[in-house]
Amino acid sequence: MLIGFALGGTTGYAINPARDLGPRLAHFVLPIKGKGSSDWAYAWVPIAGPFLGSLLGASSYRILYMNDLQPKYLINADNFTYDYVKPDDHWDNYWRTGPNAILGWGPGTGSGVGAKSLGQELANSDAFARCQVTKAYRTVCLGEPRQDQLDMLKTTYLAGFNMKNVFAEAATLCMGD
């Protein structure tokens, strides 16, 4: 408060231009009896001060710390050689062959661009369909499905990827159990 009283002038001490310039203009324009000076000689300080202070602070930070910081691009460049840096969102599913072929990959080429096509690749796999219908059966029937029930639910799921239909089918399969 001592700083405010000492440097206050017309508008109180200025921390930012909005705190100083508006009241200074109002003081200058309004016809108030016996008012003092609007002190325009000081008006540049609240405008130039924050600007110069931000420049000084940013420059100091860059000088002191920027040599220690990594650039954001290729921040994990040491983890992968530059041969593996992806310039785009293209992907290839190498799991379609070899020991992971047991997951039962659905129709498709095994490659695509972007997250949507990757999600479709995973959703079309037999393992994903089996997982989804097993969870639906467990939720509705409170038990484990038999293999014939799993096969029926997978057929329903793969017909349109509609889990609502899978839950309805699961309910009919466990009626009376």
N, C-alpha and C. Protein backbone atom coordinates (compact mmCIF):
# COMPACT_ATOMS: atom_id res chain seq x y z
N MET A 1 0.82 -1.19 0.00
CA MET A 1 0.00 0.00 0.00
C MET A 1 0.86 1.25 0.00
N LEU A 2 2.02 1.16 0.63
CA LEU A 2 2.91 2.31 0.66
C LEU A 2 3.32 2.71 -0.76
N ILE A 3 3.58 1.70 -1.62
CA ILE A 3 3.93 1.99 -3.02
C ILE A 3 2.77 2.68 -3.71
N GLY A 4 1.56 2.20 -3.46
CA GLY A 4 0.38 2.81 -4.07
C GLY A 4 0.19 4.26 -3.65
N PHE A 5 0.40 4.55 -2.38
CA PHE A 5 0.27 5.93 -1.91
C PHE A 5 1.39 6.80 -2.45
N ALA A 6 2.58 6.24 -2.56
CA ALA A 6 3.73 7.03 -3.00
C ALA A 6 3.68 7.32 -4.50
N LEU A 7 3.26 6.33 -5.30
CA LEU A 7 3.29 6.48 -6.75
C LEU A 7 1.91 6.61 -7.36
N GLY A 8 0.91 6.76 -6.52
CA GLY A 8 -0.47 6.70 -7.00
C GLY A 8 -0.88 7.78 -7.96
N GLY A 9 -0.55 8.98 -7.71
CA GLY A 9 -0.98 10.05 -8.60
C GLY A 9 -2.49 10.09 -8.71
N THR A 10 -2.96 10.34 -9.90
CA THR A 10 -4.38 10.50 -10.16
C THR A 10 -5.16 9.20 -10.06
N THR A 11 -4.58 8.13 -10.53
CA THR A 11 -5.35 6.90 -10.73
C THR A 11 -4.93 5.75 -9.85
N GLY A 12 -4.11 5.97 -8.85
CA GLY A 12 -3.56 4.86 -8.09
C GLY A 12 -2.39 4.30 -8.90
N TYR A 13 -1.57 3.48 -8.30
CA TYR A 13 -0.41 3.03 -9.05
C TYR A 13 -0.86 2.07 -10.16
N ALA A 14 -0.23 2.22 -11.29
CA ALA A 14 -0.64 1.50 -12.48
C ALA A 14 0.12 0.18 -12.59
N ILE A 15 -0.60 -0.91 -12.57
CA ILE A 15 0.01 -2.21 -12.76
C ILE A 15 -0.08 -2.60 -14.23
N ASN A 16 -1.13 -2.18 -14.88
CA ASN A 16 -1.27 -2.44 -16.31
C ASN A 16 -1.97 -1.26 -16.98
N PRO A 17 -1.91 -1.18 -18.29
CA PRO A 17 -2.49 -0.03 -18.99
C PRO A 17 -3.98 0.12 -18.75
N ALA A 18 -4.71 -0.98 -18.61
CA ALA A 18 -6.15 -0.88 -18.40
C ALA A 18 -6.47 -0.21 -17.06
N ARG A 19 -5.61 -0.40 -16.08
CA ARG A 19 -5.82 0.20 -14.76
C ARG A 19 -5.49 1.67 -14.75
N ASP A 20 -4.63 2.12 -15.67
CA ASP A 20 -4.20 3.51 -15.66
C ASP A 20 -4.85 4.36 -16.74
N LEU A 21 -4.89 3.87 -17.97
CA LEU A 21 -5.29 4.71 -19.10
C LEU A 21 -6.76 5.12 -19.05
N GLY A 22 -7.65 4.17 -18.73
CA GLY A 22 -9.09 4.50 -18.66
C GLY A 22 -9.40 5.58 -17.63
N PRO A 23 -8.99 5.38 -16.37
CA PRO A 23 -9.25 6.42 -15.37
C PRO A 23 -8.56 7.75 -15.69
N ARG A 24 -7.37 7.70 -16.30
CA ARG A 24 -6.67 8.93 -16.66
C ARG A 24 -7.46 9.71 -17.71
N LEU A 25 -8.00 8.98 -18.71
CA LEU A 25 -8.82 9.64 -19.74
C LEU A 25 -10.10 10.22 -19.13
N ALA A 26 -10.73 9.44 -18.25
CA ALA A 26 -11.95 9.93 -17.59
C ALA A 26 -11.64 11.18 -16.77
N HIS A 27 -10.54 11.19 -16.05
CA HIS A 27 -10.15 12.35 -15.26
C HIS A 27 -9.90 13.56 -16.15
N PHE A 28 -9.30 13.33 -17.30
CA PHE A 28 -8.98 14.42 -18.22
C PHE A 28 -10.25 15.01 -18.83
N VAL A 29 -11.23 14.15 -19.19
CA VAL A 29 -12.42 14.59 -19.92
C VAL A 29 -13.50 15.15 -19.00
N LEU A 30 -13.70 14.55 -17.84
CA LEU A 30 -14.81 14.95 -16.98
C LEU A 30 -14.57 16.33 -16.36
N PRO A 31 -15.63 17.15 -16.35
CA PRO A 31 -15.50 18.50 -15.75
C PRO A 31 -15.67 18.42 -14.23
N ILE A 32 -14.59 18.22 -13.52
CA ILE A 32 -14.62 18.12 -12.05
C ILE A 32 -14.00 19.39 -11.50
N LYS A 33 -14.74 20.04 -10.56
CA LYS A 33 -14.25 21.28 -9.96
C LYS A 33 -13.00 21.02 -9.15
N GLY A 34 -12.01 21.83 -9.34
CA GLY A 34 -10.80 21.79 -8.53
C GLY A 34 -9.93 20.57 -8.77
N LYS A 35 -10.11 19.90 -9.90
CA LYS A 35 -9.29 18.72 -10.14
C LYS A 35 -7.87 19.13 -10.48
N GLY A 36 -6.94 18.24 -10.17
CA GLY A 36 -5.54 18.50 -10.47
C GLY A 36 -5.20 18.04 -11.88
N SER A 37 -3.94 17.96 -12.14
CA SER A 37 -3.46 17.58 -13.46
C SER A 37 -3.70 16.08 -13.70
N SER A 38 -3.87 15.72 -14.94
CA SER A 38 -4.00 14.31 -15.31
C SER A 38 -2.63 13.66 -15.46
N ASP A 39 -1.57 14.42 -15.34
CA ASP A 39 -0.19 13.94 -15.33
C ASP A 39 0.13 13.10 -16.56
N TRP A 40 0.00 13.71 -17.73
CA TRP A 40 0.26 13.01 -18.98
C TRP A 40 1.74 12.72 -19.20
N ALA A 41 2.58 13.39 -18.46
CA ALA A 41 4.02 13.11 -18.59
C ALA A 41 4.34 11.70 -18.09
N TYR A 42 3.53 11.19 -17.18
CA TYR A 42 3.74 9.86 -16.62
C TYR A 42 2.94 8.79 -17.36
N ALA A 43 2.02 9.16 -18.23
CA ALA A 43 1.07 8.22 -18.84
C ALA A 43 1.75 7.13 -19.68
N TRP A 44 2.92 7.39 -20.20
CA TRP A 44 3.60 6.38 -21.03
C TRP A 44 4.13 5.21 -20.21
N VAL A 45 4.37 5.42 -18.91
CA VAL A 45 4.98 4.38 -18.08
C VAL A 45 4.11 3.12 -17.98
N PRO A 46 2.81 3.18 -17.70
CA PRO A 46 2.01 1.96 -17.61
C PRO A 46 1.84 1.23 -18.95
N ILE A 47 2.07 1.93 -20.04
CA ILE A 47 1.97 1.28 -21.35
C ILE A 47 3.31 0.68 -21.74
N ALA A 48 4.37 1.43 -21.63
CA ALA A 48 5.69 0.95 -22.04
C ALA A 48 6.28 -0.01 -21.01
N GLY A 49 5.99 0.16 -19.73
CA GLY A 49 6.57 -0.67 -18.68
C GLY A 49 6.28 -2.15 -18.86
N PRO A 50 5.00 -2.56 -18.96
CA PRO A 50 4.72 -3.99 -19.14
C PRO A 50 5.31 -4.56 -20.44
N PHE A 51 5.28 -3.77 -21.49
CA PHE A 51 5.82 -4.22 -22.77
C PHE A 51 7.33 -4.45 -22.67
N LEU A 52 8.04 -3.47 -22.12
CA LEU A 52 9.49 -3.61 -21.97
C LEU A 52 9.85 -4.71 -20.97
N GLY A 53 9.07 -4.84 -19.91
CA GLY A 53 9.31 -5.89 -18.92
C GLY A 53 9.13 -7.28 -19.52
N SER A 54 8.11 -7.45 -20.37
CA SER A 54 7.91 -8.77 -20.99
C SER A 54 9.04 -9.09 -21.96
N LEU A 55 9.52 -8.09 -22.70
CA LEU A 55 10.65 -8.32 -23.60
C LEU A 55 11.90 -8.69 -22.81
N LEU A 56 12.14 -7.98 -21.72
CA LEU A 56 13.31 -8.26 -20.89
C LEU A 56 13.22 -9.66 -20.27
N GLY A 57 12.04 -10.02 -19.77
CA GLY A 57 11.86 -11.34 -19.17
C GLY A 57 12.03 -12.47 -20.18
N ALA A 58 11.42 -12.34 -21.35
CA ALA A 58 11.54 -13.38 -22.38
C ALA A 58 12.98 -13.51 -22.86
N SER A 59 13.64 -12.39 -23.04
CA SER A 59 15.04 -12.42 -23.48
C SER A 59 15.92 -13.08 -22.43
N SER A 60 15.71 -12.74 -21.17
CA SER A 60 16.49 -13.35 -20.09
C SER A 60 16.27 -14.86 -20.04
N TYR A 61 15.04 -15.28 -20.19
CA TYR A 61 14.73 -16.72 -20.17
C TYR A 61 15.44 -17.43 -21.32
N ARG A 62 15.38 -16.84 -22.50
CA ARG A 62 16.03 -17.46 -23.66
C ARG A 62 17.53 -17.58 -23.46
N ILE A 63 18.13 -16.54 -22.92
CA ILE A 63 19.58 -16.56 -22.72
C ILE A 63 19.97 -17.60 -21.67
N LEU A 64 19.20 -17.67 -20.57
CA LEU A 64 19.56 -18.55 -19.46
C LEU A 64 19.18 -20.01 -19.68
N TYR A 65 18.05 -20.28 -20.35
CA TYR A 65 17.53 -21.64 -20.36
C TYR A 65 17.37 -22.28 -21.74
N MET A 66 17.32 -21.53 -22.80
CA MET A 66 17.00 -22.12 -24.09
C MET A 66 18.04 -23.11 -24.59
N ASN A 67 19.27 -22.99 -24.19
CA ASN A 67 20.28 -23.94 -24.64
C ASN A 67 20.07 -25.31 -24.03
N ASP A 68 19.35 -25.39 -22.91
CA ASP A 68 19.11 -26.66 -22.24
C ASP A 68 17.85 -27.36 -22.72
N LEU A 69 17.01 -26.68 -23.49
CA LEU A 69 15.73 -27.25 -23.90
C LEU A 69 15.84 -27.95 -25.25
N GLN A 70 15.09 -29.04 -25.41
CA GLN A 70 15.01 -29.73 -26.68
C GLN A 70 13.93 -29.08 -27.53
N PRO A 71 14.10 -29.05 -28.82
CA PRO A 71 12.98 -28.60 -29.64
C PRO A 71 11.86 -29.63 -29.58
N LYS A 72 10.62 -29.19 -29.79
CA LYS A 72 9.49 -30.10 -29.67
C LYS A 72 9.46 -31.15 -30.78
N TYR A 73 9.82 -30.78 -31.98
CA TYR A 73 9.77 -31.73 -33.08
C TYR A 73 10.88 -32.76 -32.92
N LEU A 74 10.54 -34.01 -33.08
CA LEU A 74 11.48 -35.13 -32.92
C LEU A 74 12.03 -35.21 -31.49
N ILE A 75 11.19 -34.94 -30.51
CA ILE A 75 11.64 -34.94 -29.13
C ILE A 75 12.08 -36.34 -28.70
N ASN A 76 11.56 -37.39 -29.35
CA ASN A 76 11.96 -38.76 -29.04
C ASN A 76 12.87 -39.31 -30.12
N ALA A 77 13.61 -38.45 -30.78
CA ALA A 77 14.45 -38.87 -31.90
C ALA A 77 15.51 -39.87 -31.48
N ASP A 78 15.93 -39.86 -30.23
CA ASP A 78 16.93 -40.81 -29.77
C ASP A 78 16.34 -42.21 -29.57
N ASN A 79 15.02 -42.31 -29.44
CA ASN A 79 14.39 -43.60 -29.26
C ASN A 79 14.28 -44.39 -30.56
N PHE A 80 14.11 -43.68 -31.67
CA PHE A 80 13.94 -44.32 -32.97
C PHE A 80 14.96 -43.72 -33.93
N THR A 81 15.48 -44.53 -34.79
CA THR A 81 16.38 -43.99 -35.80
C THR A 81 15.57 -43.14 -36.76
N TYR A 82 16.23 -42.31 -37.52
CA TYR A 82 15.53 -41.42 -38.43
C TYR A 82 14.82 -42.18 -39.55
N ASP A 83 15.15 -43.46 -39.75
CA ASP A 83 14.44 -44.25 -40.74
C ASP A 83 12.98 -44.44 -40.37
N TYR A 84 12.66 -44.38 -39.07
CA TYR A 84 11.32 -44.70 -38.61
C TYR A 84 10.46 -43.47 -38.31
N VAL A 85 10.95 -42.29 -38.54
CA VAL A 85 10.15 -41.09 -38.32
C VAL A 85 9.05 -41.04 -39.36
N LYS A 86 7.81 -40.89 -38.91
CA LYS A 86 6.66 -40.93 -39.80
C LYS A 86 6.34 -39.52 -40.30
N PRO A 87 6.45 -39.28 -41.59
CA PRO A 87 6.11 -37.95 -42.11
C PRO A 87 4.61 -37.76 -42.27
N ASP A 88 3.83 -38.86 -42.18
CA ASP A 88 2.38 -38.75 -42.30
C ASP A 88 1.72 -39.79 -41.39
N ASP A 89 0.41 -39.98 -41.52
CA ASP A 89 -0.33 -40.89 -40.65
C ASP A 89 -0.53 -42.28 -41.26
N HIS A 90 0.27 -42.63 -42.25
CA HIS A 90 0.13 -43.94 -42.88
C HIS A 90 0.60 -45.04 -41.93
N TRP A 91 -0.10 -46.17 -41.93
CA TRP A 91 0.29 -47.28 -41.09
C TRP A 91 0.14 -48.59 -41.87
N ASP A 92 0.90 -49.60 -41.46
CA ASP A 92 0.82 -50.95 -42.02
C ASP A 92 0.69 -51.93 -40.87
N ASN A 93 -0.23 -52.88 -40.99
CA ASN A 93 -0.44 -53.89 -39.97
C ASN A 93 0.37 -55.13 -40.32
N TYR A 94 1.54 -55.25 -39.72
CA TYR A 94 2.40 -56.40 -39.95
C TYR A 94 1.93 -57.62 -39.15
N TRP A 95 0.94 -57.47 -38.30
CA TRP A 95 0.43 -58.57 -37.52
C TRP A 95 -0.47 -59.49 -38.33
N ARG A 96 -0.83 -59.11 -39.52
CA ARG A 96 -1.70 -59.96 -40.35
C ARG A 96 -1.01 -61.27 -40.72
N THR A 97 0.31 -61.28 -40.69
CA THR A 97 1.05 -62.50 -41.00
C THR A 97 1.85 -62.90 -39.77
N GLY A 98 2.27 -64.13 -39.73
CA GLY A 98 3.06 -64.58 -38.60
C GLY A 98 2.20 -65.06 -37.45
N PRO A 99 2.77 -65.09 -36.24
CA PRO A 99 2.05 -65.66 -35.10
C PRO A 99 0.79 -64.88 -34.71
N ASN A 100 0.71 -63.61 -35.05
CA ASN A 100 -0.46 -62.81 -34.67
C ASN A 100 -1.60 -62.91 -35.66
N ALA A 101 -1.43 -63.71 -36.70
CA ALA A 101 -2.53 -63.95 -37.64
C ALA A 101 -3.68 -64.66 -36.95
N ILE A 102 -3.39 -65.29 -35.79
CA ILE A 102 -4.42 -66.01 -35.04
C ILE A 102 -5.52 -65.06 -34.52
N LEU A 103 -5.23 -63.77 -34.51
CA LEU A 103 -6.23 -62.80 -34.06
C LEU A 103 -7.39 -62.69 -35.04
N GLY A 104 -7.23 -63.25 -36.22
CA GLY A 104 -8.34 -63.30 -37.18
C GLY A 104 -8.66 -61.95 -37.79
N TRP A 105 -7.73 -61.41 -38.49
CA TRP A 105 -7.94 -60.09 -39.09
C TRP A 105 -9.01 -60.18 -40.17
N GLY A 106 -9.89 -59.19 -40.19
CA GLY A 106 -11.01 -59.17 -41.11
C GLY A 106 -10.59 -58.74 -42.50
N PRO A 107 -11.58 -58.44 -43.33
CA PRO A 107 -11.28 -58.01 -44.69
C PRO A 107 -10.56 -56.67 -44.69
N GLY A 108 -9.78 -56.44 -45.67
CA GLY A 108 -9.04 -55.19 -45.78
C GLY A 108 -7.64 -55.45 -46.25
N THR A 109 -6.92 -54.38 -46.46
CA THR A 109 -5.58 -54.49 -47.00
C THR A 109 -4.51 -54.59 -45.93
N GLY A 110 -4.84 -54.22 -44.70
CA GLY A 110 -3.84 -54.24 -43.64
C GLY A 110 -3.00 -52.99 -43.60
N SER A 111 -3.44 -51.95 -44.27
CA SER A 111 -2.76 -50.66 -44.20
C SER A 111 -3.79 -49.56 -44.38
N GLY A 112 -3.42 -48.36 -43.99
CA GLY A 112 -4.35 -47.24 -44.10
C GLY A 112 -3.69 -45.95 -43.69
N VAL A 113 -4.51 -44.92 -43.58
CA VAL A 113 -4.03 -43.61 -43.18
C VAL A 113 -4.94 -43.09 -42.08
N GLY A 114 -4.36 -42.77 -40.93
CA GLY A 114 -5.10 -42.14 -39.86
C GLY A 114 -5.67 -43.11 -38.84
N ALA A 115 -6.17 -42.53 -37.76
CA ALA A 115 -6.68 -43.29 -36.63
C ALA A 115 -7.99 -44.01 -36.97
N LYS A 116 -8.82 -43.41 -37.81
CA LYS A 116 -10.10 -44.02 -38.14
C LYS A 116 -9.90 -45.36 -38.83
N SER A 117 -9.04 -45.40 -39.82
CA SER A 117 -8.82 -46.66 -40.54
C SER A 117 -8.12 -47.68 -39.65
N LEU A 118 -7.27 -47.24 -38.74
CA LEU A 118 -6.64 -48.15 -37.79
C LEU A 118 -7.69 -48.75 -36.86
N GLY A 119 -8.61 -47.92 -36.38
CA GLY A 119 -9.70 -48.41 -35.54
C GLY A 119 -10.57 -49.42 -36.27
N GLN A 120 -10.83 -49.17 -37.55
CA GLN A 120 -11.62 -50.12 -38.34
C GLN A 120 -10.87 -51.43 -38.51
N GLU A 121 -9.57 -51.37 -38.70
CA GLU A 121 -8.76 -52.58 -38.82
C GLU A 121 -8.87 -53.42 -37.55
N LEU A 122 -8.77 -52.78 -36.40
CA LEU A 122 -8.87 -53.51 -35.13
C LEU A 122 -10.29 -54.04 -34.90
N ALA A 123 -11.29 -53.21 -35.20
CA ALA A 123 -12.68 -53.61 -34.97
C ALA A 123 -13.09 -54.77 -35.86
N ASN A 124 -12.46 -54.92 -37.01
CA ASN A 124 -12.81 -56.01 -37.92
C ASN A 124 -12.11 -57.32 -37.56
N SER A 125 -11.28 -57.32 -36.54
CA SER A 125 -10.58 -58.56 -36.18
C SER A 125 -11.50 -59.48 -35.39
N ASP A 126 -11.28 -60.76 -35.53
CA ASP A 126 -12.06 -61.77 -34.83
C ASP A 126 -11.87 -61.64 -33.32
N ALA A 127 -10.65 -61.35 -32.89
CA ALA A 127 -10.36 -61.22 -31.45
C ALA A 127 -11.14 -60.07 -30.83
N PHE A 128 -11.24 -58.96 -31.53
CA PHE A 128 -11.98 -57.81 -31.00
C PHE A 128 -13.47 -58.15 -30.92
N ALA A 129 -14.00 -58.76 -31.97
CA ALA A 129 -15.42 -59.13 -31.98
C ALA A 129 -15.71 -60.11 -30.84
N ARG A 130 -14.83 -61.09 -30.65
CA ARG A 130 -15.02 -62.07 -29.58
C ARG A 130 -15.01 -61.38 -28.21
N CYS A 131 -14.10 -60.43 -28.03
CA CYS A 131 -14.02 -59.69 -26.76
C CYS A 131 -15.30 -58.89 -26.52
N GLN A 132 -15.76 -58.18 -27.54
CA GLN A 132 -16.96 -57.35 -27.39
C GLN A 132 -18.19 -58.18 -27.04
N VAL A 133 -18.40 -59.28 -27.76
CA VAL A 133 -19.61 -60.06 -27.52
C VAL A 133 -19.52 -60.83 -26.19
N THR A 134 -18.32 -61.21 -25.78
CA THR A 134 -18.17 -61.86 -24.48
C THR A 134 -18.52 -60.90 -23.35
N LYS A 135 -18.06 -59.64 -23.47
CA LYS A 135 -18.40 -58.64 -22.44
C LYS A 135 -19.90 -58.37 -22.41
N ALA A 136 -20.52 -58.33 -23.59
CA ALA A 136 -21.97 -58.09 -23.63
C ALA A 136 -22.71 -59.25 -22.98
N TYR A 137 -22.32 -60.48 -23.29
CA TYR A 137 -22.99 -61.64 -22.70
C TYR A 137 -22.82 -61.65 -21.18
N ARG A 138 -21.61 -61.40 -20.71
CA ARG A 138 -21.37 -61.38 -19.26
C ARG A 138 -22.20 -60.31 -18.57
N THR A 139 -22.35 -59.16 -19.21
CA THR A 139 -23.12 -58.07 -18.61
C THR A 139 -24.59 -58.42 -18.51
N VAL A 140 -25.14 -59.01 -19.57
CA VAL A 140 -26.57 -59.29 -19.60
C VAL A 140 -26.91 -60.57 -18.83
N CYS A 141 -26.12 -61.60 -19.05
CA CYS A 141 -26.48 -62.93 -18.51
C CYS A 141 -25.77 -63.29 -17.21
N LEU A 142 -24.80 -62.49 -16.81
CA LEU A 142 -24.07 -62.72 -15.57
C LEU A 142 -23.40 -64.10 -15.54
N GLY A 143 -22.85 -64.49 -16.66
CA GLY A 143 -22.17 -65.77 -16.74
C GLY A 143 -21.30 -65.83 -17.97
N GLU A 144 -20.66 -66.99 -18.18
CA GLU A 144 -19.79 -67.16 -19.34
C GLU A 144 -20.57 -67.77 -20.50
N PRO A 145 -20.35 -67.27 -21.70
CA PRO A 145 -21.06 -67.83 -22.87
C PRO A 145 -20.42 -69.14 -23.33
N ARG A 146 -21.25 -70.00 -23.92
CA ARG A 146 -20.74 -71.20 -24.58
C ARG A 146 -20.22 -70.81 -25.96
N GLN A 147 -19.48 -71.68 -26.59
CA GLN A 147 -18.89 -71.38 -27.90
C GLN A 147 -19.97 -71.13 -28.96
N ASP A 148 -21.07 -71.91 -28.93
CA ASP A 148 -22.12 -71.70 -29.92
C ASP A 148 -22.80 -70.35 -29.72
N GLN A 149 -22.93 -69.91 -28.46
CA GLN A 149 -23.51 -68.59 -28.18
C GLN A 149 -22.58 -67.48 -28.66
N LEU A 150 -21.27 -67.67 -28.43
CA LEU A 150 -20.28 -66.69 -28.91
C LEU A 150 -20.36 -66.55 -30.43
N ASP A 151 -20.47 -67.67 -31.11
CA ASP A 151 -20.53 -67.63 -32.58
C ASP A 151 -21.77 -66.89 -33.06
N MET A 152 -22.90 -67.11 -32.42
CA MET A 152 -24.14 -66.40 -32.80
C MET A 152 -24.00 -64.90 -32.55
N LEU A 153 -23.44 -64.54 -31.39
CA LEU A 153 -23.28 -63.12 -31.05
C LEU A 153 -22.27 -62.44 -31.98
N LYS A 154 -21.20 -63.15 -32.35
CA LYS A 154 -20.22 -62.58 -33.28
C LYS A 154 -20.85 -62.33 -34.64
N THR A 155 -21.71 -63.23 -35.09
CA THR A 155 -22.41 -63.04 -36.36
C THR A 155 -23.27 -61.79 -36.30
N THR A 156 -23.96 -61.60 -35.19
CA THR A 156 -24.79 -60.40 -35.01
C THR A 156 -23.92 -59.15 -35.00
N TYR A 157 -22.80 -59.22 -34.30
CA TYR A 157 -21.90 -58.06 -34.21
C TYR A 157 -21.32 -57.70 -35.58
N LEU A 158 -20.83 -58.69 -36.28
CA LEU A 158 -20.18 -58.43 -37.57
C LEU A 158 -21.17 -58.02 -38.66
N ALA A 159 -22.47 -58.23 -38.42
CA ALA A 159 -23.49 -57.83 -39.40
C ALA A 159 -23.62 -56.32 -39.49
N GLY A 160 -23.23 -55.58 -38.47
CA GLY A 160 -23.36 -54.13 -38.54
C GLY A 160 -22.63 -53.40 -37.44
N PHE A 161 -21.86 -54.12 -36.63
CA PHE A 161 -21.10 -53.53 -35.52
C PHE A 161 -22.00 -52.74 -34.59
N ASN A 162 -23.23 -53.24 -34.38
CA ASN A 162 -24.20 -52.56 -33.55
C ASN A 162 -24.31 -53.31 -32.22
N MET A 163 -23.74 -52.73 -31.18
CA MET A 163 -23.72 -53.40 -29.87
C MET A 163 -25.12 -53.50 -29.26
N LYS A 164 -26.03 -52.61 -29.63
CA LYS A 164 -27.40 -52.69 -29.13
C LYS A 164 -28.03 -54.01 -29.57
N ASN A 165 -27.79 -54.39 -30.82
CA ASN A 165 -28.31 -55.67 -31.30
C ASN A 165 -27.64 -56.84 -30.60
N VAL A 166 -26.35 -56.70 -30.29
CA VAL A 166 -25.63 -57.77 -29.59
C VAL A 166 -26.21 -57.96 -28.19
N PHE A 167 -26.50 -56.87 -27.48
CA PHE A 167 -27.08 -56.99 -26.14
C PHE A 167 -28.47 -57.63 -26.22
N ALA A 168 -29.26 -57.24 -27.21
CA ALA A 168 -30.60 -57.83 -27.36
C ALA A 168 -30.50 -59.32 -27.66
N GLU A 169 -29.59 -59.71 -28.55
CA GLU A 169 -29.38 -61.11 -28.87
C GLU A 169 -28.90 -61.88 -27.64
N ALA A 170 -28.00 -61.29 -26.87
CA ALA A 170 -27.49 -61.94 -25.66
C ALA A 170 -28.64 -62.19 -24.68
N ALA A 171 -29.55 -61.24 -24.57
CA ALA A 171 -30.69 -61.40 -23.66
C ALA A 171 -31.57 -62.57 -24.09
N THR A 172 -31.75 -62.73 -25.38
CA THR A 172 -32.57 -63.88 -25.84
C THR A 172 -31.84 -65.19 -25.63
N LEU A 173 -30.51 -65.19 -25.73
CA LEU A 173 -29.75 -66.43 -25.56
C LEU A 173 -29.75 -66.93 -24.12
N CYS A 174 -29.83 -66.03 -23.16
CA CYS A 174 -29.75 -66.48 -21.77
C CYS A 174 -31.11 -66.49 -21.08
N MET A 175 -32.20 -66.30 -21.83
CA MET A 175 -33.53 -66.38 -21.21
C MET A 175 -33.77 -67.80 -20.73
N GLY A 176 -34.25 -67.92 -19.54
CA GLY A 176 -34.56 -69.23 -18.99
C GLY A 176 -33.39 -69.92 -18.34
N ASP A 177 -32.20 -69.35 -18.44
CA ASP A 177 -31.03 -69.98 -17.78
C ASP A 177 -30.99 -69.65 -16.32
